[in-house]
């Protein structure tokens, strides 16, 4: 996460909403001294006063052999980003920078059993199909008998038990209002521009 306090987001509901809005994450871990990265679709759950993030991976993924014994990992969810040119500011003597939104979740990873994996897949399809309304929702029950079970053998589920959750929403909050608004104007209709126009709290 960016070290500057101005960009740090700690509000739990804001962070959870961001994770749910950007559910395709990068999972990073160092196992046996080797850095490893995977990308996965996730479902965020609050279970027994604990925040967990469930995901699944292809069985051919580099992290899969390590799931059974478990490991620590960081999940990174990212949103829109934009280059900010020094020419976009009202003030002189600025430098180029990048505005962006991201959320990190860190914790221990454990393997899901088959029932938990099926629940993750059902929740994931329900979560994503809801974004396509009014299209009728797809469910695995539309598949031919035995097809889902056959495909299930190709993946494995995991769960991140979150013990650190924080975010960076870098939107030129460290600049004067005039500079921030002028830079936003230079981005036109970019989604970052609309966020930059909101006065920082």
Protein backbone atom coordinates (compact mmCIF):
# COMPACT_ATOMS: atom_id res chain seq x y z
CA UNK A 1 0.00 0.00 0.00
CA UNK A 2 1.06 3.59 -0.62
CA UNK A 3 2.76 4.96 2.51
CA UNK A 4 1.16 8.43 2.33
CA UNK A 5 -1.54 8.88 4.97
CA UNK A 6 -3.63 11.07 2.66
CA UNK A 7 -4.41 8.10 0.42
CA UNK A 8 -5.01 5.43 3.05
CA UNK A 9 -8.50 3.95 3.42
CA UNK A 10 -9.35 2.11 6.64
CA UNK A 11 -13.14 2.16 6.71
CA UNK A 12 -14.11 -1.51 6.70
CA UNK A 13 -17.40 -1.10 4.82
CA UNK A 14 -15.72 0.97 2.09
CA UNK A 15 -13.01 -1.68 1.68
CA UNK A 16 -15.50 -4.56 1.61
CA UNK A 17 -17.67 -2.76 -0.94
CA UNK A 18 -14.59 -2.25 -3.14
CA UNK A 19 -13.64 -5.94 -2.90
CA UNK A 20 -17.16 -6.98 -3.85
CA UNK A 21 -17.17 -4.57 -6.78
CA UNK A 22 -13.76 -5.81 -8.01
CA UNK A 23 -13.86 -9.56 -7.35
CA UNK A 24 -11.10 -10.64 -9.74
CA UNK A 25 -7.95 -10.44 -7.63
CA UNK A 26 -4.24 -11.15 -7.74
CA UNK A 27 -3.09 -13.63 -5.11
CA UNK A 28 0.61 -13.35 -4.18
CA UNK A 29 2.61 -15.61 -1.89
CA UNK A 30 6.15 -16.70 -1.20
CA UNK A 31 6.25 -20.44 -0.65
CA UNK A 32 9.56 -22.23 -0.11
CA UNK A 33 11.40 -19.01 -0.90
CA UNK A 34 9.82 -18.70 -4.35
CA UNK A 35 7.46 -15.81 -5.16
CA UNK A 36 4.21 -17.01 -6.77
CA UNK A 37 1.23 -15.17 -8.23
CA UNK A 38 -2.20 -16.34 -9.32
CA UNK A 39 -5.37 -14.55 -10.40
CA UNK A 40 -8.75 -15.69 -9.20
CA UNK A 41 -12.41 -14.68 -8.89
CA UNK A 42 -13.48 -14.34 -5.26
CA UNK A 43 -16.45 -14.22 -2.94
CA UNK A 44 -16.12 -12.13 0.23
CA UNK A 45 -17.81 -13.63 3.30
CA UNK A 46 -18.21 -12.67 6.94
CA UNK A 47 -18.38 -15.92 8.91
CA UNK A 48 -18.58 -16.12 12.71
CA UNK A 49 -17.20 -12.57 13.10
CA UNK A 50 -14.32 -13.44 10.78
CA UNK A 51 -13.68 -12.01 7.32
CA UNK A 52 -12.81 -14.65 4.72
CA UNK A 53 -12.29 -14.51 0.97
CA UNK A 54 -13.07 -17.71 -0.93
CA UNK A 55 -11.55 -18.42 -4.34
CA UNK A 56 -10.75 -21.26 -6.71
CA UNK A 57 -7.82 -22.10 -8.95
CA UNK A 58 -7.15 -24.47 -11.82
CA UNK A 59 -5.43 -27.61 -10.53
CA UNK A 60 -2.51 -26.77 -12.80
CA UNK A 61 -1.85 -23.49 -10.97
CA UNK A 62 1.57 -23.09 -9.36
CA UNK A 63 0.06 -22.46 -5.90
CA UNK A 64 -2.18 -25.52 -5.84
CA UNK A 65 0.41 -28.02 -4.50
CA UNK A 66 0.84 -25.80 -1.44
CA UNK A 67 -2.84 -25.34 -0.57
CA UNK A 68 -3.16 -28.41 1.62
CA UNK A 69 -0.39 -27.37 4.03
CA UNK A 70 -1.46 -23.72 3.74
CA UNK A 71 0.56 -20.52 3.42
CA UNK A 72 0.34 -16.78 4.03
CA UNK A 73 -0.68 -14.61 1.11
CA UNK A 74 -1.76 -11.15 0.02
CA UNK A 75 -4.75 -10.56 -2.24
CA UNK A 76 -4.80 -7.38 -4.30
CA UNK A 77 -7.98 -6.01 -5.84
CA UNK A 78 -7.54 -3.10 -8.22
CA UNK A 79 -9.90 -0.56 -9.69
CA UNK A 80 -9.47 2.14 -12.33
CA UNK A 81 -6.15 3.97 -12.69
CA UNK A 82 -4.95 7.00 -14.62
CA UNK A 83 -1.70 8.74 -15.48
CA UNK A 84 -1.64 12.37 -14.30
CA UNK A 85 0.48 14.69 -16.42
CA UNK A 86 2.24 17.65 -14.77
CA UNK A 87 0.70 19.77 -17.52
CA UNK A 88 -2.73 19.07 -16.06
CA UNK A 89 -2.19 21.02 -12.84
CA UNK A 90 -2.91 24.67 -12.19
CA UNK A 91 0.44 25.06 -10.37
CA UNK A 92 3.89 24.84 -11.95
CA UNK A 93 6.76 22.52 -11.02
CA UNK A 94 4.74 19.32 -10.63
CA UNK A 95 5.88 15.81 -11.53
CA UNK A 96 4.09 12.96 -13.33
CA UNK A 97 2.17 10.56 -11.13
CA UNK A 98 -0.47 7.86 -11.25
CA UNK A 99 -3.84 7.89 -9.51
CA UNK A 100 -5.45 4.54 -8.66
CA UNK A 101 -7.60 2.55 -6.27
CA UNK A 102 -6.57 -0.74 -4.68
CA UNK A 103 -7.36 -2.89 -1.66
CA UNK A 104 -5.08 -5.44 0.00
CA UNK A 105 -6.20 -8.36 2.13
CA UNK A 106 -3.56 -10.42 3.91
CA UNK A 107 -3.84 -13.63 5.88
CA UNK A 108 -3.49 -17.38 5.99
CA UNK A 109 -4.75 -19.53 3.13
CA UNK A 110 -6.41 -22.90 3.68
CA UNK A 111 -7.96 -25.40 1.29
CA UNK A 112 -11.73 -25.73 0.84
CA UNK A 113 -13.40 -29.12 0.95
CA UNK A 114 -15.65 -30.14 -1.94
CA UNK A 115 -18.86 -28.86 -0.34
CA UNK A 116 -17.24 -25.50 0.41
CA UNK A 117 -15.88 -25.30 -3.14
CA UNK A 118 -19.33 -25.95 -4.60
CA UNK A 119 -20.76 -23.27 -2.30
CA UNK A 120 -18.06 -20.86 -3.52
CA UNK A 121 -18.90 -21.57 -7.15
CA UNK A 122 -22.64 -21.18 -6.59
CA UNK A 123 -22.13 -17.92 -4.69
CA UNK A 124 -19.73 -16.63 -7.33
CA UNK A 125 -22.08 -17.30 -10.24
CA UNK A 126 -25.00 -15.79 -8.29
CA UNK A 127 -22.89 -12.73 -7.46
CA UNK A 128 -21.78 -12.16 -11.04
CA UNK A 129 -25.05 -13.12 -12.75
CA UNK A 130 -26.78 -10.46 -10.62
CA UNK A 131 -24.69 -7.84 -12.45
CA UNK A 132 -26.29 -8.96 -15.72
CA UNK A 133 -29.92 -8.47 -14.69
CA UNK A 134 -32.52 -8.45 -16.15
CA UNK A 135 -30.99 -11.46 -17.94
CA UNK A 136 -32.32 -14.67 -16.35
CA UNK A 137 -29.81 -16.00 -13.85
CA UNK A 138 -27.58 -18.87 -14.94
CA UNK A 139 -27.09 -21.70 -12.44
CA UNK A 140 -25.14 -24.95 -12.72
CA UNK A 141 -28.47 -26.82 -12.81
CA UNK A 142 -28.72 -25.77 -16.47
CA UNK A 143 -25.74 -28.04 -17.25
CA UNK A 144 -26.11 -31.57 -18.57
CA UNK A 145 -26.14 -34.26 -15.85
CA UNK A 146 -22.61 -35.09 -14.69
CA UNK A 147 -20.96 -32.17 -16.55
CA UNK A 148 -20.54 -29.95 -13.48
CA UNK A 149 -19.10 -32.80 -11.43
CA UNK A 150 -16.63 -33.61 -14.23
CA UNK A 151 -15.47 -30.01 -14.50
CA UNK A 152 -15.22 -29.70 -10.70
CA UNK A 153 -12.30 -32.13 -10.78
CA UNK A 154 -10.24 -29.54 -12.66
CA UNK A 155 -10.23 -26.92 -9.90
CA UNK A 156 -9.49 -26.57 -6.19
CA UNK A 157 -10.87 -24.06 -3.71
CA UNK A 158 -9.06 -21.91 -1.18
CA UNK A 159 -9.93 -19.52 1.62
CA UNK A 160 -7.99 -16.48 2.79
CA UNK A 161 -8.57 -15.83 6.50
CA UNK A 162 -8.12 -12.06 6.55
CA UNK A 163 -6.13 -10.51 9.38
CA UNK A 164 -5.13 -7.29 7.58
CA UNK A 165 -7.34 -5.22 5.30
CA UNK A 166 -6.40 -1.81 3.96
CA UNK A 167 -6.74 0.29 0.89
CA UNK A 168 -5.18 3.05 -1.16
CA UNK A 169 -7.44 5.48 -3.00
CA UNK A 170 -4.92 7.88 -4.57
CA UNK A 171 -6.96 10.69 -6.08
CA UNK A 172 -4.69 13.76 -5.75
CA UNK A 173 -5.89 14.42 -2.19
CA UNK A 174 -2.40 15.81 -1.46
CA UNK A 175 -2.85 18.60 -4.01
CA UNK A 176 -4.63 21.92 -3.70
CA UNK A 177 -8.28 21.93 -4.72
CA UNK A 178 -7.44 23.98 -7.82
CA UNK A 179 -4.74 21.52 -8.90
CA UNK A 180 -6.89 18.49 -8.18
CA UNK A 181 -9.88 19.81 -10.13
CA UNK A 182 -7.73 20.98 -13.04
CA UNK A 183 -6.05 17.58 -13.28
CA UNK A 184 -9.48 15.92 -13.20
CA UNK A 185 -10.60 18.16 -16.06
CA UNK A 186 -7.63 16.95 -18.10
CA UNK A 187 -8.81 13.34 -17.71
CA UNK A 188 -12.15 14.11 -19.33
CA UNK A 189 -14.69 11.30 -18.80
CA UNK A 190 -12.23 8.86 -17.23
CA UNK A 191 -13.79 7.25 -14.11
CA UNK A 192 -10.86 8.47 -11.99
CA UNK A 193 -11.76 12.05 -12.94
CA UNK A 194 -15.22 11.81 -11.35
CA UNK A 195 -13.66 10.50 -8.13
CA UNK A 196 -11.10 13.31 -8.10
CA UNK A 197 -13.88 15.89 -8.26
CA UNK A 198 -15.27 14.72 -4.91
CA UNK A 199 -13.87 16.90 -2.12
CA UNK A 200 -11.59 14.84 0.18
CA UNK A 201 -12.89 14.32 3.72
